[in-house]
């Protein structure tokens, strides 16, 4: 029902910044709860940040005060602004959309973020 495409990943030095984008299809984007997850090599996927349809946000402790999740409903796009990046932030970052009616989760293909000097 919704198709998600992430972009904005890349290689950045420690302390640098990146902004990830997630472009979503579907006319009812504004009703979905959205989130960013990440998965480092050899580790489990973890929730990084989430944002409700009403704009309430939540962050995992490791990224608080460094990352900001936001959404532009008019553009059906989710963002993750990442500042003060650390090597431990290296992972594939995935966009997620939760259908409020069915509870189904939809995933993008992921975008690689590598933080290295």
N, C-alpha and C. Protein backbone atom coordinates (compact mmCIF):
# COMPACT_ATOMS: atom_id res chain seq x y z
N UNK A 1 0.82 -1.20 0.00
CA UNK A 1 0.00 0.00 0.00
C UNK A 1 0.86 1.26 0.00
N UNK A 2 2.05 1.17 0.57
CA UNK A 2 2.98 2.29 0.57
C UNK A 2 4.35 1.79 0.16
N UNK A 3 5.02 2.57 -0.67
CA UNK A 3 6.35 2.24 -1.14
C UNK A 3 7.31 3.30 -0.62
N UNK A 4 8.43 2.86 -0.04
CA UNK A 4 9.37 3.75 0.60
C UNK A 4 10.73 3.67 -0.07
N UNK A 5 11.34 4.81 -0.31
CA UNK A 5 12.65 4.87 -0.93
C UNK A 5 13.53 5.82 -0.14
N UNK A 6 14.60 5.27 0.46
CA UNK A 6 15.54 6.08 1.23
C UNK A 6 16.63 6.63 0.33
N UNK A 7 17.19 7.76 0.75
CA UNK A 7 18.32 8.35 0.08
C UNK A 7 19.09 9.22 1.06
N UNK A 8 20.29 9.61 0.69
CA UNK A 8 21.07 10.54 1.49
C UNK A 8 22.21 9.92 2.26
N UNK A 9 22.34 8.61 2.23
CA UNK A 9 23.44 7.97 2.91
C UNK A 9 24.76 8.21 2.20
N UNK A 10 25.83 7.82 2.86
CA UNK A 10 27.14 7.99 2.28
C UNK A 10 28.23 7.86 3.30
N UNK A 11 29.42 8.27 2.92
CA UNK A 11 30.60 8.23 3.78
C UNK A 11 30.84 9.61 4.37
N UNK A 12 31.01 9.66 5.67
CA UNK A 12 31.24 10.93 6.35
C UNK A 12 32.25 10.72 7.47
N UNK A 13 33.03 11.74 7.76
CA UNK A 13 34.00 11.67 8.85
C UNK A 13 33.32 11.84 10.20
N UNK A 14 33.92 11.29 11.26
CA UNK A 14 33.36 11.50 12.59
C UNK A 14 33.17 12.99 12.87
N UNK A 15 32.04 13.31 13.46
CA UNK A 15 31.69 14.69 13.73
C UNK A 15 30.92 15.36 12.62
N UNK A 16 30.82 14.70 11.49
CA UNK A 16 30.11 15.25 10.35
C UNK A 16 28.62 15.05 10.44
N UNK A 17 27.93 15.48 9.38
CA UNK A 17 26.47 15.43 9.35
C UNK A 17 25.97 14.84 8.04
N UNK A 18 24.82 14.23 8.11
CA UNK A 18 24.09 13.74 6.94
C UNK A 18 22.61 13.93 7.18
N UNK A 19 21.87 14.10 6.10
CA UNK A 19 20.41 14.11 6.20
C UNK A 19 19.85 13.02 5.31
N UNK A 20 19.15 12.08 5.92
CA UNK A 20 18.50 11.02 5.18
C UNK A 20 17.08 11.42 4.83
N UNK A 21 16.63 10.97 3.68
CA UNK A 21 15.27 11.22 3.24
C UNK A 21 14.60 9.90 2.92
N UNK A 22 13.31 9.85 3.14
CA UNK A 22 12.50 8.69 2.79
C UNK A 22 11.27 9.20 2.06
N UNK A 23 11.24 8.95 0.77
CA UNK A 23 10.11 9.36 -0.05
C UNK A 23 9.07 8.24 -0.07
N UNK A 24 7.84 8.58 0.26
CA UNK A 24 6.77 7.60 0.38
C UNK A 24 5.71 7.81 -0.67
N UNK A 25 5.25 6.72 -1.22
CA UNK A 25 4.10 6.77 -2.10
C UNK A 25 2.84 6.65 -1.26
N UNK A 26 1.70 6.84 -1.89
CA UNK A 26 0.44 6.70 -1.18
C UNK A 26 -0.14 8.03 -0.78
N UNK A 27 -1.42 8.14 -0.89
CA UNK A 27 -2.10 9.41 -0.63
C UNK A 27 -2.39 9.63 0.85
N UNK A 28 -2.19 8.61 1.69
CA UNK A 28 -2.52 8.73 3.10
C UNK A 28 -1.28 8.71 3.98
N UNK A 29 -0.19 9.23 3.48
CA UNK A 29 1.07 9.27 4.22
C UNK A 29 0.91 9.93 5.58
N UNK A 30 0.11 10.98 5.65
CA UNK A 30 -0.01 11.75 6.88
C UNK A 30 -0.59 10.95 8.04
N UNK A 31 -1.24 9.84 7.78
CA UNK A 31 -1.85 9.03 8.83
C UNK A 31 -0.91 7.95 9.38
N UNK A 32 0.20 7.73 8.72
CA UNK A 32 1.13 6.68 9.13
C UNK A 32 2.07 7.16 10.21
N UNK A 33 2.32 6.30 11.18
CA UNK A 33 3.45 6.52 12.07
C UNK A 33 4.71 6.11 11.32
N UNK A 34 5.74 6.92 11.41
CA UNK A 34 6.97 6.70 10.66
C UNK A 34 8.15 6.52 11.60
N UNK A 35 9.17 5.84 11.11
CA UNK A 35 10.34 5.60 11.95
C UNK A 35 11.56 5.34 11.09
N UNK A 36 12.71 5.57 11.70
CA UNK A 36 13.99 5.17 11.15
C UNK A 36 14.57 4.05 12.02
N UNK A 37 14.99 3.00 11.37
CA UNK A 37 15.72 1.92 12.00
C UNK A 37 17.12 1.84 11.40
N UNK A 38 17.99 1.15 12.08
CA UNK A 38 19.30 0.89 11.50
C UNK A 38 19.78 -0.50 11.90
N UNK A 39 20.64 -1.03 11.06
CA UNK A 39 21.21 -2.34 11.32
C UNK A 39 22.69 -2.32 10.96
N UNK A 40 23.52 -2.43 11.97
CA UNK A 40 24.95 -2.54 11.77
C UNK A 40 25.29 -3.98 11.45
N UNK A 41 26.41 -4.17 10.77
CA UNK A 41 26.81 -5.51 10.38
C UNK A 41 26.99 -6.40 11.60
N UNK A 42 26.38 -7.56 11.56
CA UNK A 42 26.47 -8.50 12.65
C UNK A 42 25.60 -8.19 13.85
N UNK A 43 24.76 -7.18 13.76
CA UNK A 43 23.92 -6.80 14.87
C UNK A 43 22.45 -6.80 14.49
N UNK A 44 21.60 -6.75 15.50
CA UNK A 44 20.16 -6.72 15.28
C UNK A 44 19.72 -5.33 14.82
N UNK A 45 18.64 -5.31 14.08
CA UNK A 45 18.02 -4.05 13.70
C UNK A 45 17.50 -3.34 14.93
N UNK A 46 17.73 -2.04 15.01
CA UNK A 46 17.27 -1.29 16.16
C UNK A 46 16.51 -0.04 15.72
N UNK A 47 15.57 0.35 16.53
CA UNK A 47 14.82 1.57 16.30
C UNK A 47 15.68 2.76 16.67
N UNK A 48 15.78 3.72 15.77
CA UNK A 48 16.57 4.92 16.00
C UNK A 48 15.69 6.07 16.45
N UNK A 49 14.63 6.32 15.69
CA UNK A 49 13.74 7.43 15.98
C UNK A 49 12.39 7.16 15.35
N UNK A 50 11.35 7.72 15.94
CA UNK A 50 10.01 7.56 15.41
C UNK A 50 9.26 8.88 15.51
N UNK A 51 8.23 8.98 14.70
CA UNK A 51 7.39 10.17 14.71
C UNK A 51 5.96 9.75 14.39
N UNK A 52 5.02 10.23 15.20
CA UNK A 52 3.63 9.88 15.00
C UNK A 52 3.01 10.76 13.94
N UNK A 53 1.77 10.43 13.58
CA UNK A 53 1.05 11.26 12.62
C UNK A 53 0.85 12.67 13.15
N UNK A 54 0.83 12.82 14.46
CA UNK A 54 0.67 14.13 15.08
C UNK A 54 1.97 14.87 15.31
N UNK A 55 3.10 14.25 14.98
CA UNK A 55 4.38 14.92 15.08
C UNK A 55 5.14 14.67 16.37
N UNK A 56 4.66 13.81 17.23
CA UNK A 56 5.40 13.48 18.44
C UNK A 56 6.57 12.58 18.09
N UNK A 57 7.72 12.86 18.68
CA UNK A 57 8.95 12.15 18.34
C UNK A 57 9.50 11.37 19.52
N UNK A 58 10.28 10.36 19.19
CA UNK A 58 10.93 9.53 20.18
C UNK A 58 12.28 9.09 19.62
N UNK A 59 13.30 9.04 20.49
CA UNK A 59 14.64 8.69 20.06
C UNK A 59 15.26 7.67 20.99
N UNK A 60 16.07 6.81 20.43
CA UNK A 60 16.86 5.94 21.26
C UNK A 60 17.95 6.76 21.93
N UNK A 61 18.36 6.35 23.12
CA UNK A 61 19.27 7.16 23.93
C UNK A 61 20.57 7.49 23.21
N UNK A 62 21.07 6.58 22.41
CA UNK A 62 22.37 6.77 21.78
C UNK A 62 22.39 7.89 20.75
N UNK A 63 21.23 8.34 20.29
CA UNK A 63 21.20 9.40 19.28
C UNK A 63 20.53 10.67 19.77
N UNK A 64 20.06 10.66 21.00
CA UNK A 64 19.43 11.86 21.54
C UNK A 64 20.40 13.04 21.49
N UNK A 65 19.89 14.19 21.14
CA UNK A 65 20.64 15.44 21.04
C UNK A 65 21.55 15.50 19.82
N UNK A 66 21.55 14.45 19.01
CA UNK A 66 22.35 14.45 17.79
C UNK A 66 21.49 14.29 16.54
N UNK A 67 20.44 13.48 16.63
CA UNK A 67 19.58 13.20 15.48
C UNK A 67 18.23 13.89 15.65
N UNK A 68 17.62 14.25 14.53
CA UNK A 68 16.30 14.84 14.54
C UNK A 68 15.45 14.20 13.45
N UNK A 69 14.33 13.63 13.84
CA UNK A 69 13.40 13.07 12.87
C UNK A 69 12.30 14.09 12.59
N UNK A 70 11.90 14.18 11.34
CA UNK A 70 10.85 15.10 10.96
C UNK A 70 10.11 14.55 9.76
N UNK A 71 8.96 15.14 9.47
CA UNK A 71 8.19 14.72 8.31
C UNK A 71 7.57 15.91 7.64
N UNK A 72 7.42 15.81 6.34
CA UNK A 72 6.75 16.82 5.55
C UNK A 72 5.60 16.11 4.86
N UNK A 73 4.42 16.23 5.42
CA UNK A 73 3.27 15.50 4.90
C UNK A 73 2.87 15.97 3.50
N UNK A 74 3.09 17.23 3.21
CA UNK A 74 2.76 17.74 1.89
C UNK A 74 3.62 17.09 0.81
N UNK A 75 4.84 16.71 1.18
CA UNK A 75 5.76 16.06 0.25
C UNK A 75 5.82 14.55 0.44
N UNK A 76 5.06 14.03 1.40
CA UNK A 76 5.08 12.60 1.73
C UNK A 76 6.51 12.11 1.94
N UNK A 77 7.26 12.86 2.73
CA UNK A 77 8.67 12.56 2.93
C UNK A 77 9.04 12.60 4.40
N UNK A 78 9.83 11.63 4.81
CA UNK A 78 10.37 11.53 6.15
C UNK A 78 11.85 11.88 6.10
N UNK A 79 12.35 12.55 7.14
CA UNK A 79 13.75 12.95 7.20
C UNK A 79 14.40 12.49 8.49
N UNK A 80 15.70 12.32 8.43
CA UNK A 80 16.51 12.11 9.62
C UNK A 80 17.76 12.96 9.48
N UNK A 81 17.83 14.02 10.25
CA UNK A 81 19.02 14.86 10.30
C UNK A 81 19.97 14.27 11.33
N UNK A 82 21.16 13.93 10.90
CA UNK A 82 22.14 13.30 11.76
C UNK A 82 23.35 14.21 11.89
N UNK A 83 23.61 14.66 13.10
CA UNK A 83 24.74 15.52 13.39
C UNK A 83 25.70 14.82 14.34
N UNK A 84 26.91 15.33 14.42
CA UNK A 84 27.93 14.79 15.33
C UNK A 84 28.05 13.28 15.19
N UNK A 85 28.15 12.83 13.97
CA UNK A 85 28.16 11.40 13.71
C UNK A 85 29.39 10.72 14.29
N UNK A 86 29.16 9.51 14.75
CA UNK A 86 30.19 8.69 15.37
C UNK A 86 30.37 7.40 14.57
N UNK A 87 31.54 6.78 14.67
CA UNK A 87 31.74 5.51 13.96
C UNK A 87 30.69 4.46 14.30
N UNK A 88 30.20 4.46 15.52
CA UNK A 88 29.19 3.50 15.92
C UNK A 88 27.83 3.75 15.29
N UNK A 89 27.67 4.88 14.60
CA UNK A 89 26.45 5.13 13.84
C UNK A 89 26.46 4.43 12.49
N UNK A 90 27.58 3.85 12.13
CA UNK A 90 27.69 3.14 10.85
C UNK A 90 26.69 2.00 10.79
N UNK A 91 25.85 2.01 9.77
CA UNK A 91 24.80 1.00 9.63
C UNK A 91 24.04 1.26 8.34
N UNK A 92 23.21 0.30 7.99
CA UNK A 92 22.21 0.53 6.96
C UNK A 92 20.97 1.09 7.65
N UNK A 93 20.51 2.22 7.17
CA UNK A 93 19.36 2.88 7.77
C UNK A 93 18.12 2.62 6.92
N UNK A 94 17.05 2.22 7.60
CA UNK A 94 15.81 1.85 6.94
C UNK A 94 14.66 2.75 7.38
N UNK A 95 13.85 3.12 6.44
CA UNK A 95 12.62 3.84 6.70
C UNK A 95 11.50 2.84 6.95
N UNK A 96 10.63 3.16 7.88
CA UNK A 96 9.51 2.28 8.22
C UNK A 96 8.22 3.08 8.32
N UNK A 97 7.15 2.51 7.81
CA UNK A 97 5.83 3.11 7.92
C UNK A 97 4.87 2.09 8.50
N UNK A 98 4.12 2.49 9.51
CA UNK A 98 3.14 1.61 10.14
C UNK A 98 1.74 2.05 9.78
N UNK A 99 1.02 1.14 9.18
CA UNK A 99 -0.37 1.39 8.83
C UNK A 99 -1.20 1.41 10.10
N UNK A 100 -1.86 2.52 10.41
CA UNK A 100 -2.60 2.61 11.68
C UNK A 100 -3.82 1.71 11.73
N UNK A 101 -4.30 1.27 10.59
CA UNK A 101 -5.47 0.42 10.55
C UNK A 101 -5.11 -1.06 10.66
N UNK A 102 -4.19 -1.51 9.84
CA UNK A 102 -3.83 -2.92 9.80
C UNK A 102 -2.70 -3.28 10.75
N UNK A 103 -1.89 -2.31 11.12
CA UNK A 103 -0.70 -2.58 11.91
C UNK A 103 0.47 -3.08 11.10
N UNK A 104 0.30 -3.22 9.80
CA UNK A 104 1.38 -3.69 8.95
C UNK A 104 2.49 -2.66 8.86
N UNK A 105 3.70 -3.16 8.79
CA UNK A 105 4.87 -2.32 8.62
C UNK A 105 5.43 -2.45 7.22
N UNK A 106 5.80 -1.32 6.65
CA UNK A 106 6.38 -1.26 5.32
C UNK A 106 7.80 -0.72 5.43
N UNK A 107 8.69 -1.30 4.64
CA UNK A 107 10.11 -0.97 4.73
C UNK A 107 10.67 -0.50 3.41
N UNK A 108 11.61 0.44 3.50
CA UNK A 108 12.38 0.82 2.34
C UNK A 108 13.53 -0.14 2.13
N UNK A 109 14.32 0.13 1.10
CA UNK A 109 15.43 -0.76 0.76
C UNK A 109 16.68 -0.51 1.59
N UNK A 110 16.72 0.61 2.28
CA UNK A 110 17.85 0.94 3.11
C UNK A 110 18.87 1.81 2.40
N UNK A 111 19.59 2.59 3.18
CA UNK A 111 20.69 3.40 2.66
C UNK A 111 21.87 3.31 3.62
N UNK A 112 23.05 3.11 3.08
CA UNK A 112 24.24 2.88 3.88
C UNK A 112 24.80 4.19 4.41
N UNK A 113 25.06 4.22 5.70
CA UNK A 113 25.76 5.33 6.34
C UNK A 113 27.05 4.79 6.93
N UNK A 114 28.16 5.35 6.51
CA UNK A 114 29.46 4.93 7.01
C UNK A 114 30.18 6.14 7.60
N UNK A 115 30.54 6.03 8.87
CA UNK A 115 31.24 7.10 9.56
C UNK A 115 32.66 6.62 9.84
N UNK A 116 33.61 7.22 9.16
CA UNK A 116 34.99 6.76 9.26
C UNK A 116 35.93 7.88 8.86
N UNK A 117 37.09 7.91 9.49
CA UNK A 117 38.11 8.88 9.14
C UNK A 117 39.09 8.31 8.12
